[in-house]
PDB file of N, CA and C in Angstrom:
ATOM      1  N   UNK A   1     188.356 120.996 122.718  1.00  0.00           N
ATOM      2  CA  UNK A   1     187.632 120.975 123.947  1.00  0.00           C
ATOM      3  C   UNK A   1     186.459 121.924 123.865  1.00  0.00           C
ATOM      4  N   UNK A   2     185.219 121.381 124.055  1.00  0.00           N
ATOM      5  CA  UNK A   2     184.059 122.203 123.890  1.00  0.00           C
ATOM      6  C   UNK A   2     184.046 123.425 124.816  1.00  0.00           C
ATOM      7  N   UNK A   3     184.459 123.279 125.955  1.00  0.00           N
ATOM      8  CA  UNK A   3     184.421 124.452 126.954  1.00  0.00           C
ATOM      9  C   UNK A   3     185.379 125.578 126.447  1.00  0.00           C
ATOM     10  N   UNK A   4     186.534 125.259 126.073  1.00  0.00           N
ATOM     11  CA  UNK A   4     187.444 126.281 125.499  1.00  0.00           C
ATOM     12  C   UNK A   4     186.873 126.942 124.250  1.00  0.00           C
ATOM     13  N   UNK A   5     186.364 126.042 123.309  1.00  0.00           N
ATOM     14  CA  UNK A   5     185.707 126.578 122.136  1.00  0.00           C
ATOM     15  C   UNK A   5     184.623 127.574 122.444  1.00  0.00           C
ATOM     16  N   UNK A   6     183.848 127.268 123.404  1.00  0.00           N
ATOM     17  CA  UNK A   6     182.668 128.137 123.760  1.00  0.00           C
ATOM     18  C   UNK A   6     183.154 129.451 124.329  1.00  0.00           C
ATOM     19  N   UNK A   7     184.237 129.438 125.201  1.00  0.00           N
ATOM     20  CA  UNK A   7     184.773 130.652 125.716  1.00  0.00           C
ATOM     21  C   UNK A   7     185.340 131.512 124.664  1.00  0.00           C
ATOM     22  N   UNK A   8     186.160 130.899 123.786  1.00  0.00           N
ATOM     23  CA  UNK A   8     186.769 131.709 122.689  1.00  0.00           C
ATOM     24  C   UNK A   8     185.638 132.262 121.750  1.00  0.00           C
ATOM     25  N   UNK A   9     184.644 131.419 121.512  1.00  0.00           N
ATOM     26  CA  UNK A   9     183.519 131.892 120.655  1.00  0.00           C
ATOM     27  C   UNK A   9     182.817 133.141 121.282  1.00  0.00           C
ATOM     28  N   UNK A  10     182.519 133.068 122.578  1.00  0.00           N
ATOM     29  CA  UNK A  10     181.858 134.132 123.294  1.00  0.00           C
ATOM     30  C   UNK A  10     182.742 135.398 123.318  1.00  0.00           C
ATOM     31  N   UNK A  11     184.064 135.199 123.490  1.00  0.00           N
ATOM     32  CA  UNK A  11     184.924 136.439 123.560  1.00  0.00           C
ATOM     33  C   UNK A  11     184.999 137.018 122.152  1.00  0.00           C
ATOM     34  N   UNK A  12     185.055 136.199 121.064  1.00  0.00           N
ATOM     35  CA  UNK A  12     185.128 136.781 119.752  1.00  0.00           C
ATOM     36  C   UNK A  12     183.837 137.493 119.389  1.00  0.00           C
ATOM     37  N   UNK A  13     182.714 136.874 119.761  1.00  0.00           N
ATOM     38  CA  UNK A  13     181.431 137.543 119.493  1.00  0.00           C
ATOM     39  C   UNK A  13     181.280 138.850 120.207  1.00  0.00           C
ATOM     40  N   UNK A  14     181.830 138.865 121.479  1.00  0.00           N
ATOM     41  CA  UNK A  14     181.797 140.172 122.200  1.00  0.00           C
ATOM     42  C   UNK A  14     182.691 141.228 121.589  1.00  0.00           C
ATOM     43  N   UNK A  15     183.675 140.733 120.832  1.00  0.00           N
ATOM     44  CA  UNK A  15     184.548 141.708 120.208  1.00  0.00           C
ATOM     45  C   UNK A  15     184.038 142.079 118.787  1.00  0.00           C
ATOM     46  N   UNK A  16     182.813 141.568 118.445  1.00  0.00           N
ATOM     47  CA  UNK A  16     182.172 142.002 117.239  1.00  0.00           C
ATOM     48  C   UNK A  16     182.343 141.076 116.057  1.00  0.00           C
ATOM     49  N   UNK A  17     182.919 139.880 116.251  1.00  0.00           N
ATOM     50  CA  UNK A  17     183.114 138.958 115.120  1.00  0.00           C
ATOM     51  C   UNK A  17     181.937 137.984 115.026  1.00  0.00           C
ATOM     52  N   UNK A  18     181.574 137.631 113.792  1.00  0.00           N
ATOM     53  CA  UNK A  18     180.592 136.560 113.644  1.00  0.00           C
ATOM     54  C   UNK A  18     181.355 135.231 113.660  1.00  0.00           C
ATOM     55  N   UNK A  19     180.839 134.300 114.437  1.00  0.00           N
ATOM     56  CA  UNK A  19     181.639 133.079 114.681  1.00  0.00           C
ATOM     57  C   UNK A  19     180.767 131.873 114.293  1.00  0.00           C
ATOM     58  N   UNK A  20     181.396 130.983 113.494  1.00  0.00           N
ATOM     59  CA  UNK A  20     180.790 129.631 113.218  1.00  0.00           C
ATOM     60  C   UNK A  20     181.758 128.655 113.873  1.00  0.00           C
ATOM     61  N   UNK A  21     181.234 127.743 114.711  1.00  0.00           N
ATOM     62  CA  UNK A  21     182.129 126.833 115.399  1.00  0.00           C
ATOM     63  C   UNK A  21     181.970 125.393 114.830  1.00  0.00           C
ATOM     64  N   UNK A  22     183.120 124.642 114.866  1.00  0.00           N
ATOM     65  CA  UNK A  22     183.110 123.281 114.407  1.00  0.00           C
ATOM     66  C   UNK A  22     183.943 122.449 115.402  1.00  0.00           C
ATOM     67  N   UNK A  23     183.487 121.216 115.604  1.00  0.00           N
ATOM     68  CA  UNK A  23     184.191 120.345 116.523  1.00  0.00           C
ATOM     69  C   UNK A  23     185.574 119.856 116.070  1.00  0.00           C
ATOM     70  N   UNK A  24     185.691 119.754 114.683  1.00  0.00           N
ATOM     71  CA  UNK A  24     186.932 119.233 114.200  1.00  0.00           C
ATOM     72  C   UNK A  24     187.090 119.756 112.748  1.00  0.00           C
ATOM     73  N   UNK A  25     188.151 119.363 112.114  1.00  0.00           N
ATOM     74  CA  UNK A  25     188.458 119.779 110.715  1.00  0.00           C
ATOM     75  C   UNK A  25     187.430 119.332 109.710  1.00  0.00           C
ATOM     76  N   UNK A  26     186.989 118.116 109.858  1.00  0.00           N
ATOM     77  CA  UNK A  26     185.945 117.671 108.945  1.00  0.00           C
ATOM     78  C   UNK A  26     184.711 118.456 108.938  1.00  0.00           C
ATOM     79  N   UNK A  27     184.207 118.794 110.148  1.00  0.00           N
ATOM     80  CA  UNK A  27     183.039 119.610 110.347  1.00  0.00           C
ATOM     81  C   UNK A  27     183.316 121.098 109.755  1.00  0.00           C
ATOM     82  N   UNK A  28     184.510 121.578 109.918  1.00  0.00           N
ATOM     83  CA  UNK A  28     184.878 122.867 109.395  1.00  0.00           C
ATOM     84  C   UNK A  28     184.799 122.926 107.887  1.00  0.00           C
ATOM     85  N   UNK A  29     185.253 121.828 107.214  1.00  0.00           N
ATOM     86  CA  UNK A  29     185.211 121.728 105.784  1.00  0.00           C
ATOM     87  C   UNK A  29     183.731 121.761 105.322  1.00  0.00           C
ATOM     88  N   UNK A  30     182.845 121.045 106.015  1.00  0.00           N
ATOM     89  CA  UNK A  30     181.468 121.090 105.628  1.00  0.00           C
ATOM     90  C   UNK A  30     180.881 122.549 105.700  1.00  0.00           C
ATOM     91  N   UNK A  31     181.233 123.214 106.763  1.00  0.00           N
ATOM     92  CA  UNK A  31     180.789 124.651 106.907  1.00  0.00           C
ATOM     93  C   UNK A  31     181.228 125.476 105.818  1.00  0.00           C
ATOM     94  N   UNK A  32     182.455 125.301 105.373  1.00  0.00           N
ATOM     95  CA  UNK A  32     183.066 126.098 104.297  1.00  0.00           C
ATOM     96  C   UNK A  32     182.345 125.871 102.958  1.00  0.00           C
ATOM     97  N   UNK A  33     181.701 124.818 102.778  1.00  0.00           N
ATOM     98  CA  UNK A  33     180.957 124.581 101.533  1.00  0.00           C
ATOM     99  C   UNK A  33     179.731 125.414 101.425  1.00  0.00           C
ATOM    100  N   UNK A  34     179.251 125.909 102.549  1.00  0.00           N
ATOM    101  CA  UNK A  34     177.966 126.636 102.510  1.00  0.00           C
ATOM    102  C   UNK A  34     178.058 128.021 103.121  1.00  0.00           C
ATOM    103  N   UNK A  35     179.206 128.428 103.609  1.00  0.00           N
ATOM    104  CA  UNK A  35     179.322 129.780 104.293  1.00  0.00           C
ATOM    105  C   UNK A  35     180.601 130.488 103.840  1.00  0.00           C
ATOM    106  N   UNK A  36     180.523 131.706 103.770  1.00  0.00           N
ATOM    107  CA  UNK A  36     181.691 132.566 103.414  1.00  0.00           C
ATOM    108  C   UNK A  36     182.409 132.805 104.750  1.00  0.00           C
ATOM    109  N   UNK A  37     183.744 132.436 104.754  1.00  0.00           N
ATOM    110  CA  UNK A  37     184.524 132.538 105.921  1.00  0.00           C
ATOM    111  C   UNK A  37     185.751 133.247 105.606  1.00  0.00           C
ATOM    112  N   UNK A  38     186.164 134.222 106.439  1.00  0.00           N
ATOM    113  CA  UNK A  38     187.389 135.030 106.207  1.00  0.00           C
ATOM    114  C   UNK A  38     188.624 134.428 106.933  1.00  0.00           C
ATOM    115  N   UNK A  39     188.350 133.788 108.066  1.00  0.00           N
ATOM    116  CA  UNK A  39     189.429 133.261 108.834  1.00  0.00           C
ATOM    117  C   UNK A  39     188.999 131.962 109.576  1.00  0.00           C
ATOM    118  N   UNK A  40     189.953 131.067 109.694  1.00  0.00           N
ATOM    119  CA  UNK A  40     189.766 129.826 110.417  1.00  0.00           C
ATOM    120  C   UNK A  40     190.745 129.846 111.618  1.00  0.00           C
ATOM    121  N   UNK A  41     190.288 129.682 112.831  1.00  0.00           N
ATOM    122  CA  UNK A  41     191.034 129.505 114.014  1.00  0.00           C
ATOM    123  C   UNK A  41     190.983 128.034 114.350  1.00  0.00           C
ATOM    124  N   UNK A  42     192.105 127.337 114.286  1.00  0.00           N
ATOM    125  CA  UNK A  42     192.081 125.901 114.479  1.00  0.00           C
ATOM    126  C   UNK A  42     193.121 125.483 115.564  1.00  0.00           C
ATOM    127  N   UNK A  43     192.647 124.507 116.351  1.00  0.00           N
ATOM    128  CA  UNK A  43     193.584 123.874 117.260  1.00  0.00           C
ATOM    129  C   UNK A  43     194.347 122.864 116.352  1.00  0.00           C
ATOM    130  N   UNK A  44     195.503 122.461 116.740  1.00  0.00           N
ATOM    131  CA  UNK A  44     196.235 121.566 115.947  1.00  0.00           C
ATOM    132  C   UNK A  44     195.984 120.070 116.429  1.00  0.00           C
ATOM    133  N   UNK A  45     195.498 119.894 117.550  1.00  0.00           N
ATOM    134  CA  UNK A  45     195.236 118.548 118.061  1.00  0.00           C
ATOM    135  C   UNK A  45     193.721 118.443 118.279  1.00  0.00           C
ATOM    136  N   UNK A  46     193.071 117.725 117.309  1.00  0.00           N
ATOM    137  CA  UNK A  46     191.608 117.535 117.383  1.00  0.00           C
ATOM    138  C   UNK A  46     191.302 116.111 116.974  1.00  0.00           C
ATOM    139  N   UNK A  47     190.054 115.660 117.312  1.00  0.00           N
ATOM    140  CA  UNK A  47     189.593 114.330 116.913  1.00  0.00           C
ATOM    141  C   UNK A  47     189.298 114.338 115.401  1.00  0.00           C
ATOM    142  N   UNK A  48     189.243 113.209 114.784  1.00  0.00           N
ATOM    143  CA  UNK A  48     188.801 112.955 113.419  1.00  0.00           C
ATOM    144  C   UNK A  48     189.722 113.507 112.397  1.00  0.00           C
ATOM    145  N   UNK A  49     189.873 114.824 112.316  1.00  0.00           N
ATOM    146  CA  UNK A  49     190.814 115.516 111.409  1.00  0.00           C
ATOM    147  C   UNK A  49     191.497 116.599 112.167  1.00  0.00           C
ATOM    148  N   UNK A  50     192.831 116.389 112.497  1.00  0.00           N
ATOM    149  CA  UNK A  50     193.516 117.354 113.238  1.00  0.00           C
ATOM    150  C   UNK A  50     193.902 118.562 112.449  1.00  0.00           C
ATOM    151  N   UNK A  51     194.409 119.554 113.161  1.00  0.00           N
ATOM    152  CA  UNK A  51     194.668 120.812 112.524  1.00  0.00           C
ATOM    153  C   UNK A  51     195.647 120.861 111.347  1.00  0.00           C
ATOM    154  N   UNK A  52     196.677 120.023 111.437  1.00  0.00           N
ATOM    155  CA  UNK A  52     197.720 119.978 110.371  1.00  0.00           C
ATOM    156  C   UNK A  52     197.055 119.517 109.057  1.00  0.00           C
ATOM    157  N   UNK A  53     196.286 118.534 109.142  1.00  0.00           N
ATOM    158  CA  UNK A  53     195.559 118.064 107.885  1.00  0.00           C
ATOM    159  C   UNK A  53     194.535 119.103 107.457  1.00  0.00           C
ATOM    160  N   UNK A  54     193.907 119.822 108.384  1.00  0.00           N
ATOM    161  CA  UNK A  54     192.909 120.844 108.100  1.00  0.00           C
ATOM    162  C   UNK A  54     193.635 121.947 107.382  1.00  0.00           C
ATOM    163  N   UNK A  55     194.795 122.359 107.846  1.00  0.00           N
ATOM    164  CA  UNK A  55     195.549 123.450 107.175  1.00  0.00           C
ATOM    165  C   UNK A  55     195.935 123.044 105.705  1.00  0.00           C
ATOM    166  N   UNK A  56     196.358 121.804 105.522  1.00  0.00           N
ATOM    167  CA  UNK A  56     196.709 121.308 104.202  1.00  0.00           C
ATOM    168  C   UNK A  56     195.490 121.402 103.257  1.00  0.00           C
ATOM    169  N   UNK A  57     194.351 121.037 103.798  1.00  0.00           N
ATOM    170  CA  UNK A  57     193.138 121.008 102.989  1.00  0.00           C
ATOM    171  C   UNK A  57     192.705 122.468 102.631  1.00  0.00           C
ATOM    172  N   UNK A  58     192.811 123.310 103.691  1.00  0.00           N
ATOM    173  CA  UNK A  58     192.459 124.754 103.459  1.00  0.00           C
ATOM    174  C   UNK A  58     193.364 125.356 102.393  1.00  0.00           C
ATOM    175  N   UNK A  59     194.574 125.152 102.512  1.00  0.00           N
ATOM    176  CA  UNK A  59     195.529 125.735 101.534  1.00  0.00           C
ATOM    177  C   UNK A  59     195.233 125.257 100.102  1.00  0.00           C
ATOM    178  N   UNK A  60     194.854 124.047  99.981  1.00  0.00           N
ATOM    179  CA  UNK A  60     194.614 123.487  98.692  1.00  0.00           C
ATOM    180  C   UNK A  60     193.273 123.885  98.138  1.00  0.00           C
ATOM    181  N   UNK A  61     192.191 123.861  98.960  1.00  0.00           N
ATOM    182  CA  UNK A  61     190.840 124.014  98.481  1.00  0.00           C
ATOM    183  C   UNK A  61     190.281 125.422  98.705  1.00  0.00           C
ATOM    184  N   UNK A  62     190.834 126.177  99.727  1.00  0.00           N
ATOM    185  CA  UNK A  62     190.325 127.499 100.079  1.00  0.00           C
ATOM    186  C   UNK A  62     191.523 128.424 100.304  1.00  0.00           C
ATOM    187  N   UNK A  63     192.285 128.685  99.304  1.00  0.00           N
ATOM    188  CA  UNK A  63     193.596 129.425  99.541  1.00  0.00           C
ATOM    189  C   UNK A  63     193.380 130.887 100.032  1.00  0.00           C
ATOM    190  N   UNK A  64     192.178 131.416  99.845  1.00  0.00           N
ATOM    191  CA  UNK A  64     191.949 132.832 100.267  1.00  0.00           C
ATOM    192  C   UNK A  64     191.534 132.901 101.790  1.00  0.00           C
ATOM    193  N   UNK A  65     191.175 131.811 102.321  1.00  0.00           N
ATOM    194  CA  UNK A  65     190.813 131.837 103.763  1.00  0.00           C
ATOM    195  C   UNK A  65     192.030 131.896 104.641  1.00  0.00           C
ATOM    196  N   UNK A  66     192.109 132.860 105.515  1.00  0.00           N
ATOM    197  CA  UNK A  66     193.203 133.015 106.451  1.00  0.00           C
ATOM    198  C   UNK A  66     193.159 131.962 107.544  1.00  0.00           C
ATOM    199  N   UNK A  67     194.286 131.503 108.055  1.00  0.00           N
ATOM    200  CA  UNK A  67     194.298 130.469 109.135  1.00  0.00           C
ATOM    201  C   UNK A  67     195.212 130.882 110.237  1.00  0.00           C
ATOM    202  N   UNK A  68     194.662 130.784 111.452  1.00  0.00           N
ATOM    203  CA  UNK A  68     195.440 130.941 112.676  1.00  0.00           C
ATOM    204  C   UNK A  68     195.360 129.565 113.413  1.00  0.00           C
ATOM    205  N   UNK A  69     196.554 129.088 113.776  1.00  0.00           N
ATOM    206  CA  UNK A  69     196.694 127.792 114.482  1.00  0.00           C
ATOM    207  C   UNK A  69     197.141 127.999 115.875  1.00  0.00           C
ATOM    208  N   UNK A  70     196.576 127.186 116.752  1.00  0.00           N
ATOM    209  CA  UNK A  70     196.921 127.300 118.196  1.00  0.00           C
ATOM    210  C   UNK A  70     197.170 125.805 118.675  1.00  0.00           C
ATOM    211  N   UNK A  71     198.110 125.744 119.571  1.00  0.00           N
ATOM    212  CA  UNK A  71     198.522 124.439 120.130  1.00  0.00           C
ATOM    213  C   UNK A  71     199.331 124.598 121.407  1.00  0.00           C
ATOM    214  N   UNK A  72     199.179 123.655 122.274  1.00  0.00           N
ATOM    215  CA  UNK A  72     200.052 123.566 123.443  1.00  0.00           C
ATOM    216  C   UNK A  72     200.834 122.265 123.391  1.00  0.00           C
ATOM    217  N   UNK A  73     200.796 121.579 122.231  1.00  0.00           N
ATOM    218  CA  UNK A  73     201.362 120.237 122.166  1.00  0.00           C
ATOM    219  C   UNK A  73     202.797 120.403 121.579  1.00  0.00           C
ATOM    220  N   UNK A  74     203.593 119.418 121.929  1.00  0.00           N
ATOM    221  CA  UNK A  74     204.927 119.153 121.349  1.00  0.00           C
ATOM    222  C   UNK A  74     205.877 120.305 121.331  1.00  0.00           C
ATOM    223  N   UNK A  75     205.799 121.095 122.421  1.00  0.00           N
ATOM    224  CA  UNK A  75     206.842 122.126 122.557  1.00  0.00           C
ATOM    225  C   UNK A  75     206.926 123.148 121.476  1.00  0.00           C
ATOM    226  N   UNK A  76     205.871 123.405 120.758  1.00  0.00           N
ATOM    227  CA  UNK A  76     205.870 124.340 119.690  1.00  0.00           C
ATOM    228  C   UNK A  76     206.144 123.874 118.319  1.00  0.00           C
ATOM    229  N   UNK A  77     206.626 122.562 118.258  1.00  0.00           N
ATOM    230  CA  UNK A  77     206.894 122.004 116.897  1.00  0.00           C
ATOM    231  C   UNK A  77     205.671 122.043 116.006  1.00  0.00           C
ATOM    232  N   UNK A  78     204.467 121.714 116.549  1.00  0.00           N
ATOM    233  CA  UNK A  78     203.282 121.750 115.753  1.00  0.00           C
ATOM    234  C   UNK A  78     203.012 123.126 115.137  1.00  0.00           C
ATOM    235  N   UNK A  79     203.326 124.163 115.951  1.00  0.00           N
ATOM    236  CA  UNK A  79     203.076 125.508 115.452  1.00  0.00           C
ATOM    237  C   UNK A  79     204.029 125.912 114.366  1.00  0.00           C
ATOM    238  N   UNK A  80     205.272 125.398 114.441  1.00  0.00           N
ATOM    239  CA  UNK A  80     206.210 125.661 113.393  1.00  0.00           C
ATOM    240  C   UNK A  80     205.788 124.917 112.135  1.00  0.00           C
ATOM    241  N   UNK A  81     205.319 123.701 112.223  1.00  0.00           N
ATOM    242  CA  UNK A  81     204.794 122.979 111.051  1.00  0.00           C
ATOM    243  C   UNK A  81     203.616 123.681 110.498  1.00  0.00           C
ATOM    244  N   UNK A  82     202.699 124.223 111.310  1.00  0.00           N
ATOM    245  CA  UNK A  82     201.583 124.924 110.803  1.00  0.00           C
ATOM    246  C   UNK A  82     201.952 126.157 110.029  1.00  0.00           C
ATOM    247  N   UNK A  83     202.910 126.906 110.476  1.00  0.00           N
ATOM    248  CA  UNK A  83     203.410 128.047 109.787  1.00  0.00           C
ATOM    249  C   UNK A  83     204.064 127.599 108.412  1.00  0.00           C
ATOM    250  N   UNK A  84     204.788 126.594 108.439  1.00  0.00           N
ATOM    251  CA  UNK A  84     205.390 126.044 107.209  1.00  0.00           C
ATOM    252  C   UNK A  84     204.369 125.671 106.161  1.00  0.00           C
ATOM    253  N   UNK A  85     203.251 125.129 106.662  1.00  0.00           N
ATOM    254  CA  UNK A  85     202.165 124.693 105.770  1.00  0.00           C
ATOM    255  C   UNK A  85     201.303 125.833 105.288  1.00  0.00           C
ATOM    256  N   UNK A  86     201.478 126.995 105.880  1.00  0.00           N
ATOM    257  CA  UNK A  86     200.699 128.100 105.366  1.00  0.00           C
ATOM    258  C   UNK A  86     199.802 128.824 106.369  1.00  0.00           C
ATOM    259  N   UNK A  87     199.846 128.440 107.645  1.00  0.00           N
ATOM    260  CA  UNK A  87     199.079 129.192 108.625  1.00  0.00           C
ATOM    261  C   UNK A  87     199.510 130.702 108.628  1.00  0.00           C
ATOM    262  N   UNK A  88     198.643 131.658 108.661  1.00  0.00           N
ATOM    263  CA  UNK A  88     198.981 133.002 108.633  1.00  0.00           C
ATOM    264  C   UNK A  88     199.491 133.540 109.997  1.00  0.00           C
ATOM    265  N   UNK A  89     199.104 132.765 111.072  1.00  0.00           N
ATOM    266  CA  UNK A  89     199.565 133.130 112.373  1.00  0.00           C
ATOM    267  C   UNK A  89     199.430 131.871 113.314  1.00  0.00           C
ATOM    268  N   UNK A  90     200.206 131.914 114.415  1.00  0.00           N
ATOM    269  CA  UNK A  90     200.151 130.877 115.373  1.00  0.00           C
ATOM    270  C   UNK A  90     200.141 131.451 116.757  1.00  0.00           C
ATOM    271  N   UNK A  91     199.537 130.686 117.697  1.00  0.00           N
ATOM    272  CA  UNK A  91     199.536 131.097 119.088  1.00  0.00           C
ATOM    273  C   UNK A  91     199.699 129.833 119.988  1.00  0.00           C
ATOM    274  N   UNK A  92     200.641 129.944 120.923  1.00  0.00           N
ATOM    275  CA  UNK A  92     200.761 128.783 121.860  1.00  0.00           C
ATOM    276  C   UNK A  92     199.669 128.919 122.932  1.00  0.00           C
ATOM    277  N   UNK A  93     199.322 127.744 123.340  1.00  0.00           N
ATOM    278  CA  UNK A  93     198.355 127.648 124.544  1.00  0.00           C
ATOM    279  C   UNK A  93     199.115 127.733 125.790  1.00  0.00           C
ATOM    280  N   UNK A  94     198.516 128.187 126.868  1.00  0.00           N
ATOM    281  CA  UNK A  94     197.157 128.723 126.958  1.00  0.00           C
ATOM    282  C   UNK A  94     197.018 130.008 126.194  1.00  0.00           C
ATOM    283  N   UNK A  95     195.854 130.198 125.575  1.00  0.00           N
ATOM    284  CA  UNK A  95     195.561 131.359 124.736  1.00  0.00           C
ATOM    285  C   UNK A  95     195.329 132.524 125.631  1.00  0.00           C
ATOM    286  N   UNK A  96     195.945 133.650 125.369  1.00  0.00           N
ATOM    287  CA  UNK A  96     195.712 134.939 125.987  1.00  0.00           C
ATOM    288  C   UNK A  96     194.821 135.731 125.033  1.00  0.00           C
ATOM    289  N   UNK A  97     193.596 136.094 125.461  1.00  0.00           N
ATOM    290  CA  UNK A  97     192.638 136.750 124.545  1.00  0.00           C
ATOM    291  C   UNK A  97     193.105 138.011 123.919  1.00  0.00           C
ATOM    292  N   UNK A  98     193.847 138.863 124.658  1.00  0.00           N
ATOM    293  CA  UNK A  98     194.335 140.109 123.931  1.00  0.00           C
ATOM    294  C   UNK A  98     195.271 139.730 122.783  1.00  0.00           C
ATOM    295  N   UNK A  99     196.120 138.718 123.024  1.00  0.00           N
ATOM    296  CA  UNK A  99     197.030 138.323 121.918  1.00  0.00           C
ATOM    297  C   UNK A  99     196.232 137.720 120.759  1.00  0.00           C
ATOM    298  N   UNK A 100     195.232 136.969 121.037  1.00  0.00           N
ATOM    299  CA  UNK A 100     194.402 136.341 120.014  1.00  0.00           C
ATOM    300  C   UNK A 100     193.665 137.429 119.247  1.00  0.00           C
ATOM    301  N   UNK A 101     193.079 138.410 119.953  1.00  0.00           N
ATOM    302  CA  UNK A 101     192.320 139.443 119.249  1.00  0.00           C
ATOM    303  C   UNK A 101     193.290 140.317 118.362  1.00  0.00           C
ATOM    304  N   UNK A 102     194.477 140.532 118.890  1.00  0.00           N
ATOM    305  CA  UNK A 102     195.428 141.301 118.061  1.00  0.00           C
ATOM    306  C   UNK A 102     195.886 140.546 116.848  1.00  0.00           C
ATOM    307  N   UNK A 103     196.101 139.248 116.987  1.00  0.00           N
ATOM    308  CA  UNK A 103     196.509 138.448 115.846  1.00  0.00           C
ATOM    309  C   UNK A 103     195.437 138.318 114.807  1.00  0.00           C
ATOM    310  N   UNK A 104     194.213 138.177 115.253  1.00  0.00           N
ATOM    311  CA  UNK A 104     193.012 138.130 114.321  1.00  0.00           C
ATOM    312  C   UNK A 104     192.952 139.414 113.551  1.00  0.00           C
ATOM    313  N   UNK A 105     193.057 140.527 114.250  1.00  0.00           N
ATOM    314  CA  UNK A 105     192.963 141.871 113.595  1.00  0.00           C
ATOM    315  C   UNK A 105     194.098 142.041 112.601  1.00  0.00           C
ATOM    316  N   UNK A 106     195.303 141.658 112.976  1.00  0.00           N
ATOM    317  CA  UNK A 106     196.472 141.775 112.123  1.00  0.00           C
ATOM    318  C   UNK A 106     196.299 140.923 110.855  1.00  0.00           C
ATOM    319  N   UNK A 107     195.803 139.661 111.119  1.00  0.00           N
ATOM    320  CA  UNK A 107     195.653 138.709 109.987  1.00  0.00           C
ATOM    321  C   UNK A 107     194.605 139.182 108.959  1.00  0.00           C
ATOM    322  N   UNK A 108     193.551 139.841 109.503  1.00  0.00           N
ATOM    323  CA  UNK A 108     192.459 140.294 108.634  1.00  0.00           C
ATOM    324  C   UNK A 108     192.750 141.706 108.095  1.00  0.00           C
ATOM    325  N   UNK A 109     193.865 142.293 108.488  1.00  0.00           N
ATOM    326  CA  UNK A 109     194.244 143.634 108.011  1.00  0.00           C
ATOM    327  C   UNK A 109     193.446 144.691 108.636  1.00  0.00           C
ATOM    328  N   UNK A 110     193.067 144.493 109.913  1.00  0.00           N
ATOM    329  CA  UNK A 110     192.261 145.442 110.650  1.00  0.00           C
ATOM    330  C   UNK A 110     193.217 146.116 111.730  1.00  0.00           C
ATOM    331  N   UNK A 111     192.741 147.192 112.241  1.00  0.00           N
ATOM    332  CA  UNK A 111     193.395 147.814 113.447  1.00  0.00           C
ATOM    333  C   UNK A 111     192.929 147.111 114.652  1.00  0.00           C
ATOM    334  N   UNK A 112     193.795 146.720 115.604  1.00  0.00           N
ATOM    335  CA  UNK A 112     193.268 146.076 116.802  1.00  0.00           C
ATOM    336  C   UNK A 112     192.266 147.008 117.496  1.00  0.00           C
ATOM    337  N   UNK A 113     191.117 146.386 117.929  1.00  0.00           N
ATOM    338  CA  UNK A 113     190.074 147.164 118.562  1.00  0.00           C
ATOM    339  C   UNK A 113     189.032 147.655 117.679  1.00  0.00           C
ATOM    340  N   UNK A 114     189.137 147.476 116.324  1.00  0.00           N
ATOM    341  CA  UNK A 114     188.107 147.928 115.343  1.00  0.00           C
ATOM    342  C   UNK A 114     186.847 147.079 115.531  1.00  0.00           C
TER     343      UNK A 114
END
């Protein structure tokens, strides 16, 4: 959802993170070919290439990139699958920004609030 993506992007930028946004997994893979990325935050239900396929591709082609998956679909089953496939963290929707910021900091090895 573009609106949710824009809100999360704005909040992350306000927290001091540089953010590159993609509409779907295919677009994210294109960005990764030309930009250094430390972490991918992905929804698991997206058009064209959904998050599960994106995580599989990331683990295969970009094993050093950290992944956080978020979803409100299927009662948490998708989040369990994402963890099994190698997501470093998962968050159920609706996203609570303090929880997201803490998980990002933890995943990147930072202190929350740095």
